[in-house]
Protein backbone atom coordinates (compact mmCIF):
# COMPACT_ATOMS: atom_id res chain seq x y z
CA MET A 1 -14.25 10.09 0.40
CA ILE A 2 -11.57 9.43 2.99
CA GLY A 3 -7.97 10.58 3.27
CA GLY A 4 -6.18 8.87 6.13
CA GLY A 5 -7.73 7.74 9.41
CA THR A 6 -8.68 4.34 10.71
CA THR A 7 -10.37 1.27 9.32
CA CYS A 8 -12.59 -0.82 11.57
CA GLY A 9 -11.27 1.05 14.60
CA ARG A 10 -7.62 0.15 14.09
CA ASP A 11 -4.81 2.39 12.93
CA VAL A 12 -3.67 1.37 9.46
CA PRO A 13 -0.01 2.29 8.79
CA ILE A 14 -0.48 3.22 5.12
CA HIS A 15 -2.80 6.00 6.28
CA ARG A 16 0.09 8.13 7.41
CA PHE A 17 1.10 8.38 3.74
CA LEU A 18 -2.42 9.33 2.61
CA LYS A 19 -2.52 12.79 4.18
CA GLN A 20 -2.70 14.61 0.82
CA ALA A 21 -4.74 11.95 -0.99
CA VAL A 22 -8.47 11.31 -1.19
CA PHE A 23 -9.76 7.80 -1.86
CA ASP A 24 -13.00 5.97 -1.17
CA GLN A 25 -13.08 3.25 1.47
CA ASP A 26 -12.82 0.41 -1.09
CA ALA A 27 -9.62 1.90 -2.49
CA ILE A 28 -8.17 2.37 1.00
CA ASP A 29 -9.02 -1.22 1.91
CA ALA A 30 -7.34 -2.50 -1.28
CA MET A 31 -4.26 -0.32 -0.69
CA THR A 32 -4.03 -1.51 2.91
CA ILE A 33 -4.09 -5.16 1.84
CA ALA A 34 -1.50 -4.51 -0.90
CA PHE A 35 0.71 -2.54 1.52
CA GLU A 36 0.63 -5.20 4.25
CA ASP A 37 1.17 -8.05 1.74
CA THR A 38 4.11 -6.23 0.14
CA LEU A 39 5.77 -5.56 3.48
CA ARG A 40 5.20 -9.19 4.52
CA GLU A 41 6.71 -10.46 1.25
CA LEU A 42 9.73 -8.18 1.72
CA GLY A 43 10.11 -9.18 5.37
CA LEU A 44 9.78 -5.55 6.50
CA THR A 45 8.64 -5.19 10.09
CA ASP A 46 10.20 -1.81 10.93
CA ARG A 47 7.60 0.73 9.78
CA ASP A 48 10.26 3.45 9.99
CA ASP A 49 12.39 1.75 7.31
CA PRO A 50 12.66 4.11 4.30
CA ILE A 51 11.61 1.27 1.99
CA VAL A 52 8.20 1.23 3.73
CA GLU A 53 7.53 4.77 2.53
CA ILE A 54 8.59 3.87 -1.01
CA VAL A 55 6.20 0.89 -0.97
CA ALA A 56 3.36 3.11 0.25
CA ARG A 57 4.00 5.77 -2.38
CA VAL A 58 4.08 3.22 -5.21
CA ILE A 59 0.83 1.61 -4.03
CA ILE A 60 -0.84 5.02 -3.68
CA GLU A 61 0.27 5.91 -7.22
CA CYS A 62 -1.19 2.64 -8.54
CA ALA A 63 -4.49 3.52 -6.84
CA ARG A 64 -4.39 7.04 -8.30
CA GLN A 65 -4.17 5.42 -11.73
CA GLY A 66 -7.36 3.46 -10.99
CA ASP A 67 -6.00 0.11 -9.81
CA ARG A 68 -8.15 -1.47 -7.07
CA ASP A 69 -6.78 -5.02 -7.09
CA PRO A 70 -4.55 -5.60 -4.03
CA VAL A 71 -2.55 -8.34 -5.79
CA GLN A 72 -1.84 -6.11 -8.78
CA MET A 73 -0.88 -3.22 -6.50
CA ARG A 74 1.45 -5.50 -4.53
CA ASP A 75 3.04 -6.76 -7.73
CA CYS A 76 3.37 -3.16 -8.97
CA ALA A 77 5.23 -2.22 -5.78
CA LEU A 78 7.52 -5.24 -6.00
CA LYS A 79 8.20 -4.50 -9.67
CA ALA A 80 9.04 -0.87 -8.80
CA LEU A 81 11.55 -2.23 -6.29
CA LYS A 82 12.78 -4.69 -8.95
CA ILE A 83 11.76 -7.70 -6.85
CA PRO A 84 9.79 -10.44 -8.65
CA PRO A 85 6.56 -11.45 -6.88
CA ALA A 86 6.59 -14.89 -5.24
CA GLY A 87 5.63 -17.64 -7.65
CA HIS A 88 6.68 -15.69 -10.76
């Protein structure tokens, strides 16, 4: 089990929000993809933007509830922000 750290030797920004959480590597990989895709869809490049933390917390909560699909986690985050996913 992993809580924060690096993946493939690179620092992954969502990890700073995982300090209190414990997930296996597959869950972390899925959350990382969902996090990056959500930020890209929202056009967020400033990792210090408060919305970035909200996105991370929503994705982490989805993973806590057992979701491991990055697309579903992304859509969950967008829905929480009341933004429809692209193509919907």
